[in-house]
Amino acid sequence: MIEKTKEEMNREWAERLRAESHWVAQQRLYLLVLVVVVVNIAGGGLSLLAVNMPGQIRVWPLPIFLLAALTTALVSAPFIAFLTLGWYVRYREFENSLKCEALSAYLQRFWSKWLIDALNGSQPVADVPSRQAGTAAPPESQAAPNAFSAPPQGAPADWRNQADRSFELCDRLFSHIYHQQYGLAAFVPPFCILVVMVYAASAIVGWVYMCASCGKPAATCIFGLSVPGILASFAGAFFFVASDSVLAVRRRALNVSDIYWYSLRLLLAIPFALVAGAIDEAGKGATVLTFVIATLPLGEIVKQVRRVAAKNFSTFEAKKDEPDQLLNLSGVTKSVSQTLQVEGIDSIEQVAAADPVTLSIRTGFPFRFTLRLGSQAIVRRHFGDGAAQLLPIGLGDVVPIYLLVQAMDGEGAPPVALPPGAVPQADEKNLIVTNAAARLFPNDNGDQREAVVKMKFRQIAAEEYTLMLVKITPLDPAL
């Protein structure tokens, strides 16, 4: 067997990118509706066998059929609406912000290996279709600001400039990455699991309804739980799943992990009912307690369990906890900070290092807001809490600092579209640096603090994240 060379593999991968296509909204609709119909038909057959002797049909479980059809339709409707409509709105939001050089800068920052492989297997730069057809390659003096770094192994020497001119290739690569990480293929398995779990829960409730007498509810064979206990547990879980999924769809923040959590929530409905019954041994308020526990998010339940398990947590230990760093960022409230912490982001450094597209998807925040958080995080990483002193003079974000460094070095405006008058003029730069140095280091020597501030500003301007933001978010005059 002849082993393929790296060049041949790269060409095949690039060809696959060119020929790649994805299901449109109508095809997605048919597929997802088919999943719901198949689950109902298969579940109906199993329910029919479960309530009758093999080979002899005595009872038609109509309550199970009707309840399962209603609940599966109600739960799946928000997901189908999101994957056929809201998903594309979210995708266009990123496309509208990541255009041309901005998209190239993003891929260079977070997906450089994939970008290099695509460039290695693509046609020559001169033949790559561009959104600006006929535009000549920029001379070496106008190369990308981050072109000084050594190219990775196997990369073309001018891969950054080549990427900046290969707009169509970047579009295809971003589409491939987005669909692979967040496309239909990622959503279908958890969606199928959730529909099956909803049908199973509905079948249990329908079966209890068929078997329960009209008198006083007695204990069932499901771990000895009463009929009200079973109804309360599944009703609470279903209430949480339906309400939370609708909220996530409305915010266009539905994630694959959310659907897995919903399935787990339904699976834990019966155990939560057992826990509620054990807490209330008399059984007088067990049904209400079961419903309340079932409606709580899993995160809140885990938090309460940890509090009970950590009764010896002293006041001294509580005071030793570090304060919430994220609240120092402009625009971050407690709810925003909690959302970031749920996604594992609890420090300034993590915000500065996170992929803004992925973070925006996982949190549901607007893409531009996520970029602003990353921009502030870069400044705070260099100046600490003193970065707050730069907000009144408009240097709390990296883009104004980058423009100031350009003016300090006499290079003028970078090759991005900027509003008229946004670039600091030559006669303003020294005053701006002096003001910033006085705010950051009020007790230090004037010349020394200005030298330190200039060095820090140049470090911020040279960061890869800064160079990406300069192309994605030109300076807003409102800042």
Protein backbone atom coordinates (compact mmCIF):
# COMPACT_ATOMS: atom_id res chain seq x y z
CA MET A 1 0.00 0.00 0.00
CA ILE A 2 1.47 3.32 -1.08
CA GLU A 3 1.36 5.92 1.69
CA LYS A 4 0.14 9.34 0.64
CA THR A 5 2.47 12.28 1.00
CA LYS A 6 1.59 15.29 3.15
CA GLU A 7 1.13 17.41 0.03
CA GLU A 8 -1.37 14.94 -1.45
CA MET A 9 -3.32 14.77 1.80
CA ASN A 10 -3.43 18.57 2.00
CA ARG A 11 -4.69 18.80 -1.58
CA GLU A 12 -7.39 16.24 -0.89
CA TRP A 13 -8.42 18.14 2.23
CA ALA A 14 -8.59 21.42 0.30
CA GLU A 15 -10.65 19.75 -2.44
CA ARG A 16 -13.04 18.44 0.19
CA LEU A 17 -13.43 21.96 1.52
CA ARG A 18 -14.31 23.23 -1.96
CA ALA A 19 -16.86 20.47 -2.57
CA GLU A 20 -18.32 20.49 0.94
CA SER A 21 -22.05 21.16 1.28
CA HIS A 22 -24.42 21.14 4.23
CA TRP A 23 -28.09 20.48 4.76
CA VAL A 24 -30.33 23.50 4.33
CA ALA A 25 -33.12 24.46 6.74
CA GLN A 26 -35.84 22.51 4.92
CA GLN A 27 -33.79 19.30 4.93
CA ARG A 28 -33.06 19.76 8.63
CA LEU A 29 -36.77 20.19 9.31
CA TYR A 30 -37.63 16.91 7.55
CA LEU A 31 -34.89 15.01 9.38
CA LEU A 32 -35.79 16.25 12.87
CA VAL A 33 -39.52 15.71 12.38
CA LEU A 34 -38.74 12.21 11.11
CA VAL A 35 -36.81 11.50 14.32
CA VAL A 36 -39.85 12.48 16.42
CA VAL A 37 -42.21 10.37 14.30
CA VAL A 38 -39.93 7.31 14.37
CA VAL A 39 -39.51 7.53 18.16
CA ASN A 40 -43.29 7.74 18.61
CA ILE A 41 -43.94 4.79 16.31
CA ALA A 42 -41.24 2.62 17.88
CA GLY A 43 -42.24 3.65 21.39
CA GLY A 44 -45.89 2.99 20.60
CA GLY A 45 -45.06 -0.55 19.51
CA LEU A 46 -43.07 -1.19 22.69
CA SER A 47 -45.86 0.28 24.83
CA LEU A 48 -48.38 -1.96 23.12
CA LEU A 49 -46.29 -5.03 23.87
CA ALA A 50 -45.63 -3.93 27.46
CA VAL A 51 -49.31 -3.69 28.46
CA ASN A 52 -50.47 -6.83 26.65
CA MET A 53 -49.53 -10.47 26.60
CA PRO A 54 -47.32 -11.48 23.67
CA GLY A 55 -49.42 -12.19 20.58
CA GLN A 56 -52.67 -11.06 22.21
CA ILE A 57 -53.85 -7.44 22.23
CA ARG A 58 -56.38 -6.78 24.96
CA VAL A 59 -55.77 -3.12 25.75
CA TRP A 60 -54.79 -0.23 23.51
CA PRO A 61 -52.66 2.17 25.60
CA LEU A 62 -54.23 5.31 24.17
CA PRO A 63 -53.20 7.52 27.16
CA ILE A 64 -49.56 6.62 26.48
CA PHE A 65 -49.88 7.28 22.75
CA LEU A 66 -51.58 10.66 23.18
CA LEU A 67 -49.44 11.91 26.07
CA ALA A 68 -46.18 10.84 24.40
CA ALA A 69 -47.13 12.44 21.09
CA LEU A 70 -48.03 15.70 22.86
CA THR A 71 -44.91 15.89 25.04
CA THR A 72 -42.42 14.89 22.34
CA ALA A 73 -43.92 17.46 19.98
CA LEU A 74 -43.87 20.18 22.64
CA VAL A 75 -40.26 19.50 23.70
CA SER A 76 -38.85 19.04 20.20
CA ALA A 77 -40.56 22.12 18.69
CA PRO A 78 -38.09 24.68 20.17
CA PHE A 79 -35.08 22.63 19.07
CA ILE A 80 -36.45 22.20 15.55
CA ALA A 81 -37.19 25.92 15.33
CA PHE A 82 -33.68 26.76 16.50
CA LEU A 83 -31.85 24.35 14.17
CA THR A 84 -33.88 25.46 11.13
CA LEU A 85 -34.12 29.21 11.83
CA GLY A 86 -32.23 30.54 14.87
CA TRP A 87 -29.07 28.58 14.09
CA TYR A 88 -28.64 30.43 10.79
CA VAL A 89 -29.26 33.80 12.44
CA ARG A 90 -26.45 33.04 14.87
CA TYR A 91 -24.16 31.89 12.07
CA ARG A 92 -24.80 35.09 10.08
CA GLU A 93 -23.91 37.15 13.15
CA PHE A 94 -20.39 35.74 13.06
CA GLU A 95 -20.18 36.03 9.29
CA ASN A 96 -21.15 39.72 9.44
CA SER A 97 -18.38 40.44 11.95
CA LEU A 98 -15.69 38.22 10.42
CA LYS A 99 -15.18 39.45 6.88
CA CYS A 100 -12.12 39.43 4.64
CA GLU A 101 -8.99 40.33 6.64
CA ALA A 102 -10.93 40.04 9.92
CA LEU A 103 -11.80 36.40 9.20
CA SER A 104 -8.21 35.70 8.18
CA ALA A 105 -6.95 37.27 11.41
CA TYR A 106 -9.33 35.13 13.48
CA LEU A 107 -8.26 31.91 11.76
CA GLN A 108 -4.58 32.84 12.13
CA ARG A 109 -5.08 33.40 15.86
CA PHE A 110 -7.17 30.34 16.80
CA TRP A 111 -7.09 27.87 13.89
CA SER A 112 -3.65 28.41 12.36
CA LYS A 113 -2.86 24.71 11.81
CA TRP A 114 -6.07 24.12 9.88
CA LEU A 115 -5.50 27.32 7.91
CA ILE A 116 -1.95 26.30 6.99
CA ASP A 117 -3.11 22.85 5.85
CA ALA A 118 -5.77 24.48 3.69
CA LEU A 119 -3.26 26.91 2.20
CA ASN A 120 -0.77 24.12 1.49
CA GLY A 121 -3.37 22.23 -0.51
CA SER A 122 -4.97 25.24 -2.21
CA GLN A 123 -4.25 26.64 -5.62
CA PRO A 124 -1.69 29.46 -5.95
CA VAL A 125 -2.66 32.75 -4.37
CA ALA A 126 -2.93 34.51 -7.71
CA ASP A 127 -5.63 32.01 -8.77
CA VAL A 128 -7.66 32.05 -5.55
CA PRO A 129 -10.98 33.91 -6.06
CA SER A 130 -11.20 37.00 -3.90
CA ARG A 131 -13.95 39.32 -2.76
CA GLN A 132 -11.76 42.10 -4.11
CA ALA A 133 -10.93 40.71 -7.50
CA GLY A 134 -8.00 42.35 -9.21
CA THR A 135 -6.44 43.65 -6.01
CA ALA A 136 -2.68 43.27 -6.14
CA ALA A 137 -0.75 41.69 -3.33
CA PRO A 138 0.52 44.27 -0.81
CA PRO A 139 4.26 44.93 -0.89
CA GLU A 140 6.49 43.61 1.85
CA SER A 141 6.48 46.99 3.58
CA GLN A 142 2.72 46.66 4.06
CA ALA A 143 2.77 43.05 5.25
CA ALA A 144 0.53 42.01 8.10
CA PRO A 145 1.75 43.46 11.41
CA ASN A 146 2.22 40.00 12.88
CA ALA A 147 4.21 38.67 9.91
CA PHE A 148 7.46 38.92 11.87
CA SER A 149 6.84 35.63 13.67
CA ALA A 150 8.47 32.52 12.29
CA PRO A 151 6.13 30.38 10.19
CA PRO A 152 5.13 27.01 11.67
CA GLN A 153 6.78 23.89 10.33
CA GLY A 154 5.45 22.99 6.90
CA ALA A 155 3.84 26.40 6.36
CA PRO A 156 4.55 28.57 3.34
CA ALA A 157 6.92 31.42 4.15
CA ASP A 158 4.27 34.08 3.51
CA TRP A 159 1.29 32.09 4.85
CA ARG A 160 -0.13 35.08 6.74
CA ASN A 161 -0.11 37.30 3.64
CA GLN A 162 -1.45 34.42 1.58
CA ALA A 163 -4.31 33.95 4.04
CA ASP A 164 -5.10 37.68 3.96
CA ARG A 165 -5.64 37.40 0.20
CA SER A 166 -7.46 34.04 0.16
CA PHE A 167 -10.86 35.28 1.29
CA GLU A 168 -12.90 32.52 -0.32
CA LEU A 169 -10.68 29.82 1.16
CA CYS A 170 -11.04 31.40 4.62
CA ASP A 171 -14.82 31.48 4.20
CA ARG A 172 -14.90 27.80 3.32
CA LEU A 173 -12.61 26.88 6.21
CA PHE A 174 -14.66 28.84 8.74
CA SER A 175 -17.85 27.22 7.46
CA HIS A 176 -16.24 23.79 7.78
CA ILE A 177 -15.06 24.45 11.35
CA TYR A 178 -18.38 25.96 12.44
CA HIS A 179 -20.45 23.10 11.04
CA GLN A 180 -18.12 20.50 12.52
CA GLN A 181 -18.11 22.04 15.99
CA TYR A 182 -21.65 23.38 16.14
CA GLY A 183 -23.51 22.02 13.14
CA LEU A 184 -26.39 19.60 12.67
CA ALA A 185 -24.22 16.51 13.10
CA ALA A 186 -23.34 17.61 16.65
CA PHE A 187 -27.00 18.22 17.59
CA VAL A 188 -28.70 15.11 16.17
CA PRO A 189 -27.40 12.46 18.68
CA PRO A 190 -28.40 14.40 21.84
CA PHE A 191 -31.68 15.40 20.18
CA CYS A 192 -32.52 11.73 19.55
CA ILE A 193 -31.60 10.83 23.15
CA LEU A 194 -33.79 13.64 24.51
CA VAL A 195 -36.83 12.63 22.42
CA VAL A 196 -36.45 9.02 23.61
CA MET A 197 -36.19 10.17 27.24
CA VAL A 198 -39.29 12.35 26.89
CA TYR A 199 -41.21 9.46 25.37
CA ALA A 200 -40.10 7.11 28.16
CA ALA A 201 -41.15 9.59 30.86
CA SER A 202 -44.52 10.09 29.15
CA ALA A 203 -45.01 6.34 28.86
CA ILE A 204 -44.40 5.89 32.60
CA VAL A 205 -46.90 8.62 33.46
CA GLY A 206 -49.45 7.21 31.00
CA TRP A 207 -48.98 3.71 32.38
CA VAL A 208 -49.49 4.97 35.96
CA TYR A 209 -52.69 6.69 34.81
CA MET A 210 -53.98 3.47 33.26
CA CYS A 211 -53.19 1.34 36.31
CA ALA A 212 -54.18 3.77 39.08
CA SER A 213 -57.56 3.33 40.71
CA CYS A 214 -60.06 6.15 41.09
CA GLY A 215 -59.82 5.92 44.86
CA LYS A 216 -57.01 7.09 47.11
CA PRO A 217 -53.68 6.95 45.21
CA ALA A 218 -51.73 3.93 46.32
CA ALA A 219 -48.09 3.06 46.04
CA THR A 220 -46.94 1.88 42.63
CA CYS A 221 -44.35 -0.72 41.71
CA ILE A 222 -41.90 2.06 40.73
CA PHE A 223 -39.72 1.93 43.85
CA GLY A 224 -42.86 2.22 46.00
CA LEU A 225 -43.54 5.80 44.93
CA SER A 226 -47.09 7.10 44.99
CA VAL A 227 -48.92 8.25 41.89
CA PRO A 228 -48.74 11.96 42.93
CA GLY A 229 -45.01 11.56 43.59
CA ILE A 230 -44.36 10.18 40.12
CA LEU A 231 -46.50 12.84 38.45
CA ALA A 232 -44.81 15.62 40.45
CA SER A 233 -41.29 14.38 39.63
CA PHE A 234 -41.84 14.12 35.88
CA ALA A 235 -43.97 17.28 35.73
CA GLY A 236 -41.21 19.27 37.44
CA ALA A 237 -38.50 17.86 35.19
CA PHE A 238 -40.59 18.46 32.08
CA PHE A 239 -41.35 22.00 33.25
CA PHE A 240 -37.63 22.72 33.64
CA VAL A 241 -36.66 21.19 30.28
CA ALA A 242 -39.38 23.00 28.33
CA SER A 243 -38.89 26.40 29.99
CA ASP A 244 -35.10 26.36 29.90
CA SER A 245 -34.95 25.20 26.27
CA VAL A 246 -37.38 27.92 25.18
CA LEU A 247 -35.26 30.52 26.98
CA ALA A 248 -32.06 29.20 25.38
CA VAL A 249 -33.63 29.23 21.92
CA ARG A 250 -34.92 32.77 22.41
CA ARG A 251 -31.40 33.89 23.35
CA ARG A 252 -29.96 31.83 20.46
CA ALA A 253 -27.65 30.23 23.00
CA LEU A 254 -28.67 26.58 22.72
CA ASN A 255 -25.68 24.26 23.04
CA VAL A 256 -25.20 20.56 22.49
CA SER A 257 -24.27 20.13 26.15
CA ASP A 258 -27.62 21.69 27.17
CA ILE A 259 -29.54 18.91 25.43
CA TYR A 260 -27.50 16.26 27.21
CA TRP A 261 -28.26 18.01 30.52
CA TYR A 262 -31.98 17.96 29.70
CA SER A 263 -31.85 14.20 29.11
CA LEU A 264 -30.02 13.69 32.39
CA ARG A 265 -32.62 15.86 34.12
CA LEU A 266 -35.42 13.56 32.98
CA LEU A 267 -33.44 10.48 33.95
CA LEU A 268 -32.98 11.82 37.49
CA ALA A 269 -36.68 12.60 37.98
CA ILE A 270 -37.42 9.33 39.83
CA PRO A 271 -34.27 9.49 42.04
CA PHE A 272 -35.19 13.05 43.03
CA ALA A 273 -38.67 11.83 43.98
CA LEU A 274 -37.08 9.18 46.20
CA VAL A 275 -34.85 11.82 47.81
CA ALA A 276 -37.85 14.08 48.48
CA GLY A 277 -39.74 11.17 50.02
CA ALA A 278 -36.77 10.36 52.25
CA ILE A 279 -36.48 13.99 53.38
CA ASP A 280 -40.18 14.14 54.26
CA GLU A 281 -40.74 10.77 55.92
CA ALA A 282 -44.28 11.64 57.03
CA GLY A 283 -45.18 12.11 53.39
CA LYS A 284 -47.41 15.14 53.95
CA GLY A 285 -45.39 17.51 51.80
CA ALA A 286 -43.43 15.02 49.76
CA THR A 287 -45.34 15.73 46.55
CA VAL A 288 -44.77 19.49 46.74
CA LEU A 289 -41.12 18.99 47.68
CA THR A 290 -40.68 16.57 44.78
CA PHE A 291 -42.05 19.10 42.30
CA VAL A 292 -39.88 21.91 43.71
CA ILE A 293 -36.70 19.84 43.55
CA ALA A 294 -37.52 18.64 40.03
CA THR A 295 -37.89 22.20 38.72
CA LEU A 296 -34.48 23.30 40.01
CA PRO A 297 -31.54 23.42 37.59
CA LEU A 298 -28.93 20.74 38.20
CA GLY A 299 -26.35 23.40 38.97
CA GLU A 300 -28.49 24.77 41.80
CA ILE A 301 -29.07 21.27 43.20
CA VAL A 302 -25.34 20.54 43.18
CA LYS A 303 -24.71 23.84 44.94
CA GLN A 304 -27.16 22.98 47.73
CA VAL A 305 -25.70 19.49 48.13
CA ARG A 306 -22.23 20.97 48.46
CA ARG A 307 -23.46 23.41 51.10
CA VAL A 308 -24.92 20.59 53.15
CA ALA A 309 -21.73 18.54 52.74
CA ALA A 310 -19.56 21.48 53.82
CA LYS A 311 -21.24 22.55 57.07
CA ASN A 312 -17.86 23.05 58.69
CA PHE A 313 -16.91 25.70 56.14
CA SER A 314 -15.69 28.45 58.45
CA THR A 315 -16.13 32.18 58.13
CA PHE A 316 -12.36 32.56 57.87
CA GLU A 317 -12.27 30.25 54.84
CA ALA A 318 -15.16 32.11 53.26
CA LYS A 319 -13.36 35.43 53.66
CA LYS A 320 -10.23 33.93 52.17
CA ASP A 321 -12.01 33.33 48.86
CA GLU A 322 -10.67 35.56 46.13
CA PRO A 323 -13.03 38.27 44.84
CA ASP A 324 -14.68 37.88 41.47
CA GLN A 325 -12.15 39.20 38.95
CA LEU A 326 -14.64 39.28 36.10
CA LEU A 327 -16.70 42.02 37.75
CA ASN A 328 -13.78 44.39 37.09
CA LEU A 329 -14.51 44.28 33.36
CA SER A 330 -16.78 47.03 32.07
CA GLY A 331 -20.23 45.68 31.22
CA VAL A 332 -19.94 42.56 33.39
CA THR A 333 -22.72 42.12 35.94
CA LYS A 334 -23.20 39.28 38.43
CA SER A 335 -25.39 37.35 35.99
CA VAL A 336 -22.81 37.78 33.20
CA SER A 337 -20.05 36.64 35.55
CA GLN A 338 -22.06 33.59 36.63
CA THR A 339 -22.67 32.64 33.00
CA LEU A 340 -18.95 32.84 32.27
CA GLN A 341 -18.11 30.81 35.37
CA VAL A 342 -20.54 28.08 34.33
CA GLU A 343 -18.48 27.79 31.15
CA GLY A 344 -15.26 27.49 33.16
CA ILE A 345 -14.17 31.14 32.71
CA ASP A 346 -13.44 32.68 36.10
CA SER A 347 -10.30 34.79 35.55
CA ILE A 348 -9.14 37.68 33.40
CA GLU A 349 -6.45 35.50 31.82
CA GLN A 350 -9.03 32.95 30.64
CA VAL A 351 -11.13 35.65 28.98
CA ALA A 352 -8.06 36.95 27.14
CA ALA A 353 -7.12 33.47 25.91
CA ALA A 354 -10.59 32.14 24.98
CA ASP A 355 -11.79 31.77 21.40
CA PRO A 356 -14.42 34.55 21.12
CA VAL A 357 -16.61 32.61 18.68
CA THR A 358 -16.71 29.52 20.89
CA LEU A 359 -17.24 31.60 24.02
CA SER A 360 -20.05 33.56 22.37
CA ILE A 361 -21.76 30.32 21.32
CA ARG A 362 -21.49 28.75 24.75
CA THR A 363 -22.66 31.81 26.69
CA GLY A 364 -25.16 33.27 24.24
CA PHE A 365 -23.56 36.71 24.49
CA PRO A 366 -23.47 38.92 21.39
CA PHE A 367 -20.23 38.39 19.49
CA ARG A 368 -19.18 42.03 19.71
CA PHE A 369 -19.71 42.00 23.48
CA THR A 370 -17.49 38.92 23.79
CA LEU A 371 -14.79 40.68 21.76
CA ARG A 372 -15.03 43.71 24.04
CA LEU A 373 -14.50 41.51 27.10
CA GLY A 374 -11.41 39.99 25.49
CA SER A 375 -10.12 43.44 24.59
CA GLN A 376 -10.46 44.71 28.16
CA ALA A 377 -8.92 41.50 29.51
CA ILE A 378 -5.75 42.11 27.47
CA VAL A 379 -5.34 45.59 28.98
CA ARG A 380 -6.01 44.32 32.50
CA ARG A 381 -3.50 41.52 32.06
CA HIS A 382 -0.79 44.15 31.55
CA PHE A 383 -1.91 46.85 34.02
CA GLY A 384 -3.92 44.92 36.61
CA ASP A 385 -6.50 46.91 38.55
CA GLY A 386 -4.87 50.12 37.33
CA ALA A 387 -6.47 49.53 33.93
CA ALA A 388 -9.65 51.07 35.34
CA GLN A 389 -7.81 54.41 35.42
CA LEU A 390 -7.51 54.30 31.61
CA LEU A 391 -11.26 54.11 30.98
CA PRO A 392 -11.92 57.87 31.36
CA ILE A 393 -9.35 58.66 28.65
CA GLY A 394 -10.59 55.97 26.26
CA LEU A 395 -7.68 53.54 26.59
CA GLY A 396 -9.48 50.70 28.34
CA ASP A 397 -9.52 48.62 25.13
CA VAL A 398 -6.71 47.39 22.94
CA VAL A 399 -7.73 49.04 19.66
CA PRO A 400 -7.28 52.67 20.90
CA ILE A 401 -3.93 51.65 22.42
CA TYR A 402 -2.89 50.09 19.10
CA LEU A 403 -3.77 53.29 17.25
CA LEU A 404 -1.88 55.36 19.80
CA VAL A 405 1.22 53.20 19.31
CA GLN A 406 0.86 53.63 15.55
CA ALA A 407 0.85 57.40 16.04
CA MET A 408 3.80 57.22 18.46
CA ASP A 409 5.84 55.30 15.91
CA GLY A 410 4.81 57.63 13.09
CA GLU A 411 3.08 54.92 11.08
CA GLY A 412 -0.30 56.59 11.02
CA ALA A 413 -3.51 54.66 10.59
CA PRO A 414 -3.45 50.87 10.10
CA PRO A 415 -4.95 49.47 6.88
CA VAL A 416 -8.47 49.16 8.32
CA ALA A 417 -11.58 51.27 7.85
CA LEU A 418 -11.68 53.88 10.62
CA PRO A 419 -14.10 56.73 11.25
CA PRO A 420 -12.76 60.18 10.32
CA GLY A 421 -10.71 61.71 13.11
CA ALA A 422 -10.41 58.45 15.07
CA VAL A 423 -6.60 58.19 14.80
CA PRO A 424 -4.69 60.26 17.39
CA GLN A 425 -2.82 63.12 15.78
CA ALA A 426 0.94 63.58 16.17
CA ASP A 427 0.57 66.58 18.47
CA GLU A 428 -1.70 64.62 20.83
CA LYS A 429 0.33 61.47 21.42
CA ASN A 430 2.72 62.83 24.06
CA LEU A 431 -0.11 64.40 26.06
CA ILE A 432 -2.05 61.14 25.98
CA VAL A 433 0.94 59.09 27.15
CA THR A 434 1.72 61.63 29.90
CA ASN A 435 -1.88 61.56 31.13
CA ALA A 436 -2.01 57.76 31.09
CA ALA A 437 1.30 57.47 32.96
CA ALA A 438 0.14 59.90 35.63
CA ARG A 439 -3.06 57.89 36.14
CA LEU A 440 -1.32 54.52 36.28
CA PHE A 441 1.77 55.44 38.34
CA PRO A 442 1.02 58.71 40.18
CA ASN A 443 3.87 58.29 42.69
CA ASP A 444 6.69 57.45 40.25
CA ASN A 445 9.16 59.63 38.41
CA GLY A 446 7.65 61.25 35.33
CA ASP A 447 10.19 60.07 32.77
CA GLN A 448 10.32 56.56 34.19
CA ARG A 449 6.59 56.05 34.30
CA GLU A 450 6.17 57.31 30.75
CA ALA A 451 8.84 54.88 29.56
CA VAL A 452 7.10 52.01 31.34
CA VAL A 453 3.70 52.95 29.89
CA LYS A 454 5.11 53.19 26.37
CA MET A 455 6.69 49.76 26.76
CA LYS A 456 3.41 48.29 28.04
CA PHE A 457 1.43 49.94 25.24
CA ARG A 458 3.78 48.46 22.65
CA GLN A 459 3.45 45.01 24.24
CA ILE A 460 -0.34 45.27 24.07
CA ALA A 461 -0.21 46.48 20.46
CA ALA A 462 2.01 43.54 19.46
CA GLU A 463 -0.25 40.84 20.91
CA GLU A 464 -1.86 38.52 18.41
CA TYR A 465 -5.31 39.05 19.93
CA THR A 466 -4.87 42.82 19.52
CA LEU A 467 -3.91 42.47 15.87
CA MET A 468 -7.01 40.37 15.34
CA LEU A 469 -9.29 42.87 17.07
CA VAL A 470 -7.86 45.77 15.04
CA LYS A 471 -9.21 44.10 11.90
CA ILE A 472 -12.48 42.87 13.43
CA THR A 473 -13.50 45.89 15.51
CA PRO A 474 -12.19 49.25 14.24
CA LEU A 475 -12.30 52.02 16.80
CA ASP A 476 -15.82 53.05 17.78
CA PRO A 477 -16.11 56.84 18.24
CA ALA A 478 -18.59 56.19 21.07
CA LEU A 479 -15.79 54.77 23.18
